[in-house]
Amino acid sequence: TGAKVLGNITIGDNVAIGANAVVIKDVPSNSTVVGVPGRIV
């Protein structure tokens, strides 16, 4: 909920992006991202 994925970036397979996260960089597959800016946890 409320997450923003911005720009020409690639989010891999099986990725979970947390609520209200702001993702502006590529995220590899099988990852979980949270926070502002988005960080892999």
PDB file of all heavy atoms in Angstrom:
ATOM      1  N   THR A   1       0.813  -1.213   0.000  1.00  0.00           N
ATOM      2  CA  THR A   1       0.000   0.000   0.000  1.00  0.00           C
ATOM      3  C   THR A   1       0.850   1.268   0.000  1.00  0.00           C
ATOM      4  O   THR A   1       1.746   1.427   0.822  1.00  0.00           O
ATOM      5  CB  THR A   1      -0.909   0.010   1.237  1.00  0.00           C
ATOM      6  OG1 THR A   1      -1.740  -1.146   1.213  1.00  0.00           O
ATOM      7  CG2 THR A   1      -1.765   1.261   1.286  1.00  0.00           C
ATOM      8  N   GLY A   2       0.546   2.182  -0.925  1.00  0.00           N
ATOM      9  CA  GLY A   2       1.191   3.486  -0.946  1.00  0.00           C
ATOM     10  C   GLY A   2       2.608   3.507  -1.471  1.00  0.00           C
ATOM     11  O   GLY A   2       3.243   4.570  -1.486  1.00  0.00           O
ATOM     12  N   ALA A   3       3.131   2.379  -1.910  1.00  0.00           N
ATOM     13  CA  ALA A   3       4.523   2.336  -2.387  1.00  0.00           C
ATOM     14  C   ALA A   3       4.644   3.037  -3.741  1.00  0.00           C
ATOM     15  O   ALA A   3       3.709   3.050  -4.542  1.00  0.00           O
ATOM     16  CB  ALA A   3       5.006   0.892  -2.496  1.00  0.00           C
ATOM     17  N   LYS A   4       5.818   3.620  -3.978  1.00  0.00           N
ATOM     18  CA  LYS A   4       6.113   4.299  -5.233  1.00  0.00           C
ATOM     19  C   LYS A   4       7.333   3.636  -5.870  1.00  0.00           C
ATOM     20  O   LYS A   4       8.392   3.556  -5.239  1.00  0.00           O
ATOM     21  CB  LYS A   4       6.418   5.783  -5.011  1.00  0.00           C
ATOM     22  CG  LYS A   4       5.477   6.489  -4.037  1.00  0.00           C
ATOM     23  CD  LYS A   4       4.032   6.476  -4.488  1.00  0.00           C
ATOM     24  CE  LYS A   4       3.148   7.131  -3.439  1.00  0.00           C
ATOM     25  NZ  LYS A   4       1.703   6.941  -3.729  1.00  0.00           N
ATOM     26  N   VAL A   5       7.175   3.176  -7.090  1.00  0.00           N
ATOM     27  CA  VAL A   5       8.279   2.598  -7.849  1.00  0.00           C
ATOM     28  C   VAL A   5       8.475   3.513  -9.048  1.00  0.00           C
ATOM     29  O   VAL A   5       7.604   3.598  -9.916  1.00  0.00           O
ATOM     30  CB  VAL A   5       7.967   1.158  -8.292  1.00  0.00           C
ATOM     31  CG1 VAL A   5       9.182   0.529  -8.954  1.00  0.00           C
ATOM     32  CG2 VAL A   5       7.521   0.313  -7.091  1.00  0.00           C
ATOM     33  N   LEU A   6       9.618   4.198  -9.093  1.00  0.00           N
ATOM     34  CA  LEU A   6       9.760   5.327 -10.007  1.00  0.00           C
ATOM     35  C   LEU A   6      10.957   5.177 -10.935  1.00  0.00           C
ATOM     36  O   LEU A   6      12.038   4.765 -10.513  1.00  0.00           O
ATOM     37  CB  LEU A   6       9.908   6.626  -9.205  1.00  0.00           C
ATOM     38  CG  LEU A   6       8.810   6.915  -8.169  1.00  0.00           C
ATOM     39  CD1 LEU A   6       9.149   8.162  -7.375  1.00  0.00           C
ATOM     40  CD2 LEU A   6       7.451   7.051  -8.833  1.00  0.00           C
ATOM     41  N   GLY A   7      10.747   5.547 -12.196  1.00  0.00           N
ATOM     42  CA  GLY A   7      11.836   5.582 -13.161  1.00  0.00           C
ATOM     43  C   GLY A   7      11.988   4.310 -13.948  1.00  0.00           C
ATOM     44  O   GLY A   7      11.302   3.305 -13.718  1.00  0.00           O
ATOM     45  N   ASN A   8      12.929   4.336 -14.884  1.00  0.00           N
ATOM     46  CA  ASN A   8      13.214   3.183 -15.734  1.00  0.00           C
ATOM     47  C   ASN A   8      14.115   2.210 -14.990  1.00  0.00           C
ATOM     48  O   ASN A   8      15.313   2.101 -15.255  1.00  0.00           O
ATOM     49  CB  ASN A   8      13.874   3.650 -17.040  1.00  0.00           C
ATOM     50  CG  ASN A   8      14.155   2.495 -17.982  1.00  0.00           C
ATOM     51  OD1 ASN A   8      13.570   1.421 -17.869  1.00  0.00           O
ATOM     52  ND2 ASN A   8      15.073   2.717 -18.914  1.00  0.00           N
ATOM     53  N   ILE A   9      13.522   1.529 -14.025  1.00  0.00           N
ATOM     54  CA  ILE A   9      14.256   0.561 -13.207  1.00  0.00           C
ATOM     55  C   ILE A   9      13.622  -0.815 -13.383  1.00  0.00           C
ATOM     56  O   ILE A   9      12.501  -0.943 -13.871  1.00  0.00           O
ATOM     57  CB  ILE A   9      14.276   0.956 -11.720  1.00  0.00           C
ATOM     58  CG1 ILE A   9      12.846   1.028 -11.167  1.00  0.00           C
ATOM     59  CG2 ILE A   9      14.986   2.293 -11.540  1.00  0.00           C
ATOM     60  CD1 ILE A   9      12.786   1.295  -9.664  1.00  0.00           C
ATOM     61  N   THR A  10      14.354  -1.831 -12.967  1.00  0.00           N
ATOM     62  CA  THR A  10      13.873  -3.212 -13.105  1.00  0.00           C
ATOM     63  C   THR A  10      13.722  -3.850 -11.736  1.00  0.00           C
ATOM     64  O   THR A  10      14.671  -3.860 -10.937  1.00  0.00           O
ATOM     65  CB  THR A  10      14.854  -4.043 -13.954  1.00  0.00           C
ATOM     66  OG1 THR A  10      14.948  -3.470 -15.268  1.00  0.00           O
ATOM     67  CG2 THR A  10      14.366  -5.475 -14.076  1.00  0.00           C
ATOM     68  N   ILE A  11      12.547  -4.365 -11.482  1.00  0.00           N
ATOM     69  CA  ILE A  11      12.261  -5.106 -10.251  1.00  0.00           C
ATOM     70  C   ILE A  11      12.186  -6.577 -10.630  1.00  0.00           C
ATOM     71  O   ILE A  11      11.373  -6.974 -11.471  1.00  0.00           O
ATOM     72  CB  ILE A  11      10.918  -4.657  -9.629  1.00  0.00           C
ATOM     73  CG1 ILE A  11      10.863  -3.129  -9.484  1.00  0.00           C
ATOM     74  CG2 ILE A  11      10.695  -5.353  -8.298  1.00  0.00           C
ATOM     75  CD1 ILE A  11      11.942  -2.544  -8.609  1.00  0.00           C
ATOM     76  N   GLY A  12      13.039  -7.382 -10.046  1.00  0.00           N
ATOM     77  CA  GLY A  12      13.129  -8.788 -10.430  1.00  0.00           C
ATOM     78  C   GLY A  12      11.923  -9.612 -10.023  1.00  0.00           C
ATOM     79  O   GLY A  12      10.950  -9.111  -9.449  1.00  0.00           O
ATOM     80  N   ASP A  13      12.001 -10.907 -10.310  1.00  0.00           N
ATOM     81  CA  ASP A  13      10.917 -11.832  -9.956  1.00  0.00           C
ATOM     82  C   ASP A  13      10.860 -12.042  -8.442  1.00  0.00           C
ATOM     83  O   ASP A  13      11.880 -11.958  -7.746  1.00  0.00           O
ATOM     84  CB  ASP A  13      11.131 -13.182 -10.637  1.00  0.00           C
ATOM     85  CG  ASP A  13      11.115 -13.088 -12.159  1.00  0.00           C
ATOM     86  OD1 ASP A  13      10.536 -12.119 -12.689  1.00  0.00           O
ATOM     87  OD2 ASP A  13      11.695 -13.982 -12.810  1.00  0.00           O
ATOM     88  N   ASN A  14       9.667 -12.335  -7.958  1.00  0.00           N
ATOM     89  CA  ASN A  14       9.465 -12.734  -6.551  1.00  0.00           C
ATOM     90  C   ASN A  14       9.943 -11.667  -5.573  1.00  0.00           C
ATOM     91  O   ASN A  14      10.504 -11.982  -4.519  1.00  0.00           O
ATOM     92  CB  ASN A  14      10.180 -14.060  -6.262  1.00  0.00           C
ATOM     93  CG  ASN A  14       9.850 -15.128  -7.270  1.00  0.00           C
ATOM     94  OD1 ASN A  14       8.683 -15.399  -7.543  1.00  0.00           O
ATOM     95  ND2 ASN A  14      10.874 -15.724  -7.868  1.00  0.00           N
ATOM     96  N   VAL A  15       9.715 -10.408  -5.910  1.00  0.00           N
ATOM     97  CA  VAL A  15      10.109  -9.295  -5.046  1.00  0.00           C
ATOM     98  C   VAL A  15       8.897  -8.800  -4.268  1.00  0.00           C
ATOM     99  O   VAL A  15       7.802  -8.693  -4.822  1.00  0.00           O
ATOM    100  CB  VAL A  15      10.721  -8.144  -5.870  1.00  0.00           C
ATOM    101  CG1 VAL A  15      10.873  -6.877  -5.024  1.00  0.00           C
ATOM    102  CG2 VAL A  15      12.064  -8.552  -6.438  1.00  0.00           C
ATOM    103  N   ALA A  16       9.097  -8.480  -2.988  1.00  0.00           N
ATOM    104  CA  ALA A  16       8.059  -7.867  -2.160  1.00  0.00           C
ATOM    105  C   ALA A  16       8.514  -6.457  -1.792  1.00  0.00           C
ATOM    106  O   ALA A  16       9.619  -6.276  -1.279  1.00  0.00           O
ATOM    107  CB  ALA A  16       7.818  -8.692  -0.902  1.00  0.00           C
ATOM    108  N   ILE A  17       7.677  -5.479  -2.074  1.00  0.00           N
ATOM    109  CA  ILE A  17       7.976  -4.089  -1.752  1.00  0.00           C
ATOM    110  C   ILE A  17       7.022  -3.648  -0.649  1.00  0.00           C
ATOM    111  O   ILE A  17       5.802  -3.737  -0.800  1.00  0.00           O
ATOM    112  CB  ILE A  17       7.826  -3.189  -2.995  1.00  0.00           C
ATOM    113  CG1 ILE A  17       8.839  -3.614  -4.066  1.00  0.00           C
ATOM    114  CG2 ILE A  17       8.009  -1.722  -2.635  1.00  0.00           C
ATOM    115  CD1 ILE A  17       8.700  -2.878  -5.380  1.00  0.00           C
ATOM    116  N   GLY A  18       7.574  -3.179   0.458  1.00  0.00           N
ATOM    117  CA  GLY A  18       6.780  -2.841   1.627  1.00  0.00           C
ATOM    118  C   GLY A  18       5.918  -1.603   1.440  1.00  0.00           C
ATOM    119  O   GLY A  18       6.145  -0.778   0.549  1.00  0.00           O
ATOM    120  N   ALA A  19       4.923  -1.468   2.312  1.00  0.00           N
ATOM    121  CA  ALA A  19       4.017  -0.332   2.268  1.00  0.00           C
ATOM    122  C   ALA A  19       4.778   0.980   2.394  1.00  0.00           C
ATOM    123  O   ALA A  19       5.699   1.103   3.209  1.00  0.00           O
ATOM    124  CB  ALA A  19       2.986  -0.451   3.391  1.00  0.00           C
ATOM    125  N   ASN A  20       4.404   1.958   1.547  1.00  0.00           N
ATOM    126  CA  ASN A  20       4.956   3.323   1.573  1.00  0.00           C
ATOM    127  C   ASN A  20       6.436   3.414   1.195  1.00  0.00           C
ATOM    128  O   ASN A  20       7.036   4.477   1.352  1.00  0.00           O
ATOM    129  CB  ASN A  20       4.724   3.979   2.935  1.00  0.00           C
ATOM    130  CG  ASN A  20       3.253   4.159   3.231  1.00  0.00           C
ATOM    131  OD1 ASN A  20       2.494   4.600   2.382  1.00  0.00           O
ATOM    132  ND2 ASN A  20       2.842   3.803   4.432  1.00  0.00           N
ATOM    133  N   ALA A  21       7.007   2.336   0.702  1.00  0.00           N
ATOM    134  CA  ALA A  21       8.402   2.394   0.246  1.00  0.00           C
ATOM    135  C   ALA A  21       8.497   3.250  -1.015  1.00  0.00           C
ATOM    136  O   ALA A  21       7.536   3.386  -1.769  1.00  0.00           O
ATOM    137  CB  ALA A  21       8.935   0.991  -0.032  1.00  0.00           C
ATOM    138  N   VAL A  22       9.664   3.842  -1.221  1.00  0.00           N
ATOM    139  CA  VAL A  22       9.945   4.592  -2.450  1.00  0.00           C
ATOM    140  C   VAL A  22      11.159   3.939  -3.098  1.00  0.00           C
ATOM    141  O   VAL A  22      12.273   4.031  -2.577  1.00  0.00           O
ATOM    142  CB  VAL A  22      10.216   6.078  -2.165  1.00  0.00           C
ATOM    143  CG1 VAL A  22      10.575   6.805  -3.458  1.00  0.00           C
ATOM    144  CG2 VAL A  22       9.002   6.727  -1.511  1.00  0.00           C
ATOM    145  N   VAL A  23      10.948   3.280  -4.229  1.00  0.00           N
ATOM    146  CA  VAL A  23      12.004   2.500  -4.887  1.00  0.00           C
ATOM    147  C   VAL A  23      12.430   3.233  -6.144  1.00  0.00           C
ATOM    148  O   VAL A  23      11.613   3.489  -7.036  1.00  0.00           O
ATOM    149  CB  VAL A  23      11.505   1.084  -5.235  1.00  0.00           C
ATOM    150  CG1 VAL A  23      12.639   0.263  -5.836  1.00  0.00           C
ATOM    151  CG2 VAL A  23      10.956   0.394  -3.994  1.00  0.00           C
ATOM    152  N   ILE A  24      13.709   3.571  -6.225  1.00  0.00           N
ATOM    153  CA  ILE A  24      14.234   4.321  -7.377  1.00  0.00           C
ATOM    154  C   ILE A  24      15.456   3.641  -7.987  1.00  0.00           C
ATOM    155  O   ILE A  24      16.093   4.202  -8.885  1.00  0.00           O
ATOM    156  CB  ILE A  24      14.577   5.767  -6.978  1.00  0.00           C
ATOM    157  CG1 ILE A  24      15.550   5.796  -5.794  1.00  0.00           C
ATOM    158  CG2 ILE A  24      13.318   6.557  -6.652  1.00  0.00           C
ATOM    159  CD1 ILE A  24      16.015   7.189  -5.405  1.00  0.00           C
ATOM    160  N   LYS A  25      15.787   2.440  -7.508  1.00  0.00           N
ATOM    161  CA  LYS A  25      16.914   1.687  -8.050  1.00  0.00           C
ATOM    162  C   LYS A  25      16.481   0.262  -8.344  1.00  0.00           C
ATOM    163  O   LYS A  25      15.514  -0.237  -7.768  1.00  0.00           O
ATOM    164  CB  LYS A  25      18.090   1.685  -7.067  1.00  0.00           C
ATOM    165  CG  LYS A  25      18.698   3.058  -6.824  1.00  0.00           C
ATOM    166  CD  LYS A  25      19.882   2.957  -5.876  1.00  0.00           C
ATOM    167  CE  LYS A  25      20.518   4.329  -5.626  1.00  0.00           C
ATOM    168  NZ  LYS A  25      21.674   4.244  -4.696  1.00  0.00           N
ATOM    169  N   ASP A  26      17.239  -0.411  -9.217  1.00  0.00           N
ATOM    170  CA  ASP A  26      16.946  -1.801  -9.551  1.00  0.00           C
ATOM    171  C   ASP A  26      16.922  -2.668  -8.301  1.00  0.00           C
ATOM    172  O   ASP A  26      17.682  -2.427  -7.347  1.00  0.00           O
ATOM    173  CB  ASP A  26      17.986  -2.355 -10.518  1.00  0.00           C
ATOM    174  CG  ASP A  26      17.922  -1.714 -11.904  1.00  0.00           C
ATOM    175  OD1 ASP A  26      16.938  -1.014 -12.191  1.00  0.00           O
ATOM    176  OD2 ASP A  26      18.865  -1.923 -12.687  1.00  0.00           O
ATOM    177  N   VAL A  27      16.055  -3.674  -8.324  1.00  0.00           N
ATOM    178  CA  VAL A  27      15.956  -4.623  -7.210  1.00  0.00           C
ATOM    179  C   VAL A  27      16.122  -6.031  -7.773  1.00  0.00           C
ATOM    180  O   VAL A  27      15.383  -6.425  -8.685  1.00  0.00           O
ATOM    181  CB  VAL A  27      14.606  -4.512  -6.485  1.00  0.00           C
ATOM    182  CG1 VAL A  27      14.514  -5.549  -5.373  1.00  0.00           C
ATOM    183  CG2 VAL A  27      14.400  -3.110  -5.926  1.00  0.00           C
ATOM    184  N   PRO A  28      17.081  -6.803  -7.275  1.00  0.00           N
ATOM    185  CA  PRO A  28      17.274  -8.164  -7.788  1.00  0.00           C
ATOM    186  C   PRO A  28      16.131  -9.092  -7.389  1.00  0.00           C
ATOM    187  O   PRO A  28      15.371  -8.808  -6.457  1.00  0.00           O
ATOM    188  CB  PRO A  28      18.590  -8.602  -7.137  1.00  0.00           C
ATOM    189  CG  PRO A  28      18.709  -7.765  -5.906  1.00  0.00           C
ATOM    190  CD  PRO A  28      18.065  -6.449  -6.237  1.00  0.00           C
ATOM    191  N   SER A  29      16.025 -10.197  -8.077  1.00  0.00           N
ATOM    192  CA  SER A  29      14.966 -11.167  -7.799  1.00  0.00           C
ATOM    193  C   SER A  29      15.079 -11.719  -6.377  1.00  0.00           C
ATOM    194  O   SER A  29      16.147 -11.694  -5.754  1.00  0.00           O
ATOM    195  CB  SER A  29      15.040 -12.325  -8.799  1.00  0.00           C
ATOM    196  OG  SER A  29      14.799 -11.878 -10.113  1.00  0.00           O
ATOM    197  N   ASN A  30      13.948 -12.188  -5.869  1.00  0.00           N
ATOM    198  CA  ASN A  30      13.881 -12.852  -4.557  1.00  0.00           C
ATOM    199  C   ASN A  30      14.338 -11.936  -3.431  1.00  0.00           C
ATOM    200  O   ASN A  30      15.071 -12.346  -2.531  1.00  0.00           O
ATOM    201  CB  ASN A  30      14.723 -14.130  -4.574  1.00  0.00           C
ATOM    202  CG  ASN A  30      14.350 -15.048  -5.712  1.00  0.00           C
ATOM    203  OD1 ASN A  30      13.195 -15.429  -5.866  1.00  0.00           O
ATOM    204  ND2 ASN A  30      15.326 -15.390  -6.545  1.00  0.00           N
ATOM    205  N   SER A  31      13.903 -10.675  -3.492  1.00  0.00           N
ATOM    206  CA  SER A  31      14.293  -9.695  -2.484  1.00  0.00           C
ATOM    207  C   SER A  31      13.068  -9.076  -1.833  1.00  0.00           C
ATOM    208  O   SER A  31      11.964  -9.117  -2.375  1.00  0.00           O
ATOM    209  CB  SER A  31      15.146  -8.578  -3.111  1.00  0.00           C
ATOM    210  OG  SER A  31      16.313  -9.085  -3.704  1.00  0.00           O
ATOM    211  N   THR A  32      13.287  -8.483  -0.668  1.00  0.00           N
ATOM    212  CA  THR A  32      12.265  -7.700   0.021  1.00  0.00           C
ATOM    213  C   THR A  32      12.814  -6.307   0.249  1.00  0.00           C
ATOM    214  O   THR A  32      13.945  -6.153   0.720  1.00  0.00           O
ATOM    215  CB  THR A  32      11.879  -8.337   1.365  1.00  0.00           C
ATOM    216  OG1 THR A  32      11.384  -9.658   1.134  1.00  0.00           O
ATOM    217  CG2 THR A  32      10.813  -7.518   2.072  1.00  0.00           C
ATOM    218  N   VAL A  33      12.027  -5.286  -0.097  1.00  0.00           N
ATOM    219  CA  VAL A  33      12.474  -3.892  -0.026  1.00  0.00           C
ATOM    220  C   VAL A  33      11.513  -3.095   0.838  1.00  0.00           C
ATOM    221  O   VAL A  33      10.291  -3.205   0.690  1.00  0.00           O
ATOM    222  CB  VAL A  33      12.534  -3.259  -1.434  1.00  0.00           C
ATOM    223  CG1 VAL A  33      12.976  -1.806  -1.362  1.00  0.00           C
ATOM    224  CG2 VAL A  33      13.463  -4.045  -2.333  1.00  0.00           C
ATOM    225  N   VAL A  34      12.042  -2.267   1.719  1.00  0.00           N
ATOM    226  CA  VAL A  34      11.219  -1.363   2.524  1.00  0.00           C
ATOM    227  C   VAL A  34      11.928  -0.023   2.655  1.00  0.00           C
ATOM    228  O   VAL A  34      13.122   0.104   2.361  1.00  0.00           O
ATOM    229  CB  VAL A  34      10.944  -1.928   3.937  1.00  0.00           C
ATOM    230  CG1 VAL A  34      10.222  -3.250   3.877  1.00  0.00           C
ATOM    231  CG2 VAL A  34      12.253  -2.087   4.722  1.00  0.00           C
ATOM    232  N   GLY A  35      11.200   0.984   3.104  1.00  0.00           N
ATOM    233  CA  GLY A  35      11.815   2.250   3.488  1.00  0.00           C
ATOM    234  C   GLY A  35      11.823   3.310   2.410  1.00  0.00           C
ATOM    235  O   GLY A  35      11.405   3.111   1.285  1.00  0.00           O
ATOM    236  N   VAL A  36      12.307   4.495   2.837  1.00  0.00           N
ATOM    237  CA  VAL A  36      12.422   5.666   1.957  1.00  0.00           C
ATOM    238  C   VAL A  36      13.820   6.230   2.090  1.00  0.00           C
ATOM    239  O   VAL A  36      14.177   6.750   3.149  1.00  0.00           O
ATOM    240  CB  VAL A  36      11.393   6.749   2.343  1.00  0.00           C
ATOM    241  CG1 VAL A  36      11.493   7.946   1.400  1.00  0.00           C
ATOM    242  CG2 VAL A  36       9.980   6.182   2.339  1.00  0.00           C
ATOM    243  N   PRO A  37      14.683   6.135   1.085  1.00  0.00           N
ATOM    244  CA  PRO A  37      14.448   5.382  -0.156  1.00  0.00           C
ATOM    245  C   PRO A  37      14.478   3.881   0.104  1.00  0.00           C
ATOM    246  O   PRO A  37      14.940   3.429   1.146  1.00  0.00           O
ATOM    247  CB  PRO A  37      15.623   5.819  -1.035  1.00  0.00           C
ATOM    248  CG  PRO A  37      16.714   6.143  -0.068  1.00  0.00           C
ATOM    249  CD  PRO A  37      16.016   6.756   1.122  1.00  0.00           C
ATOM    250  N   GLY A  38      13.973   3.110  -0.841  1.00  0.00           N
ATOM    251  CA  GLY A  38      13.864   1.670  -0.648  1.00  0.00           C
ATOM    252  C   GLY A  38      15.209   1.004  -0.419  1.00  0.00           C
ATOM    253  O   GLY A  38      16.180   1.297  -1.110  1.00  0.00           O
ATOM    254  N   ARG A  39      15.243   0.111   0.564  1.00  0.00           N
ATOM    255  CA  ARG A  39      16.459  -0.642   0.872  1.00  0.00           C
ATOM    256  C   ARG A  39      16.113  -2.122   0.945  1.00  0.00           C
ATOM    257  O   ARG A  39      15.054  -2.507   1.440  1.00  0.00           O
ATOM    258  CB  ARG A  39      17.065  -0.192   2.195  1.00  0.00           C
ATOM    259  CG  ARG A  39      17.475   1.269   2.228  1.00  0.00           C
ATOM    260  CD  ARG A  39      18.047   1.641   3.562  1.00  0.00           C
ATOM    261  NE  ARG A  39      19.308   0.944   3.835  1.00  0.00           N
ATOM    262  CZ  ARG A  39      19.928   0.972   5.022  1.00  0.00           C
ATOM    263  NH1 ARG A  39      19.393   1.616   6.037  1.00  0.00           N
ATOM    264  NH2 ARG A  39      21.069   0.334   5.187  1.00  0.00           N
ATOM    265  N   ILE A  40      17.035  -2.945   0.475  1.00  0.00           N
ATOM    266  CA  ILE A  40      16.828  -4.394   0.508  1.00  0.00           C
ATOM    267  C   ILE A  40      17.059  -4.897   1.929  1.00  0.00           C
ATOM    268  O   ILE A  40      18.120  -4.671   2.515  1.00  0.00           O
ATOM    269  CB  ILE A  40      17.780  -5.097  -0.469  1.00  0.00           C
ATOM    270  CG1 ILE A  40      17.486  -4.657  -1.909  1.00  0.00           C
ATOM    271  CG2 ILE A  40      17.652  -6.619  -0.350  1.00  0.00           C
ATOM    272  CD1 ILE A  40      18.484  -5.175  -2.928  1.00  0.00           C
ATOM    273  N   VAL A  41      16.044  -5.553   2.489  1.00  0.00           N
ATOM    274  CA  VAL A  41      16.174  -6.105   3.832  1.00  0.00           C
ATOM    275  C   VAL A  41      16.288  -7.621   3.822  1.00  0.00           C
ATOM    276  O   VAL A  41      16.640  -8.223   4.833  1.00  0.00           O
ATOM    277  CB  VAL A  41      14.994  -5.680   4.726  1.00  0.00           C
ATOM    278  CG1 VAL A  41      14.976  -4.178   4.913  1.00  0.00           C
ATOM    279  CG2 VAL A  41      13.670  -6.156   4.147  1.00  0.00           C
TER     280      VAL A  41
END
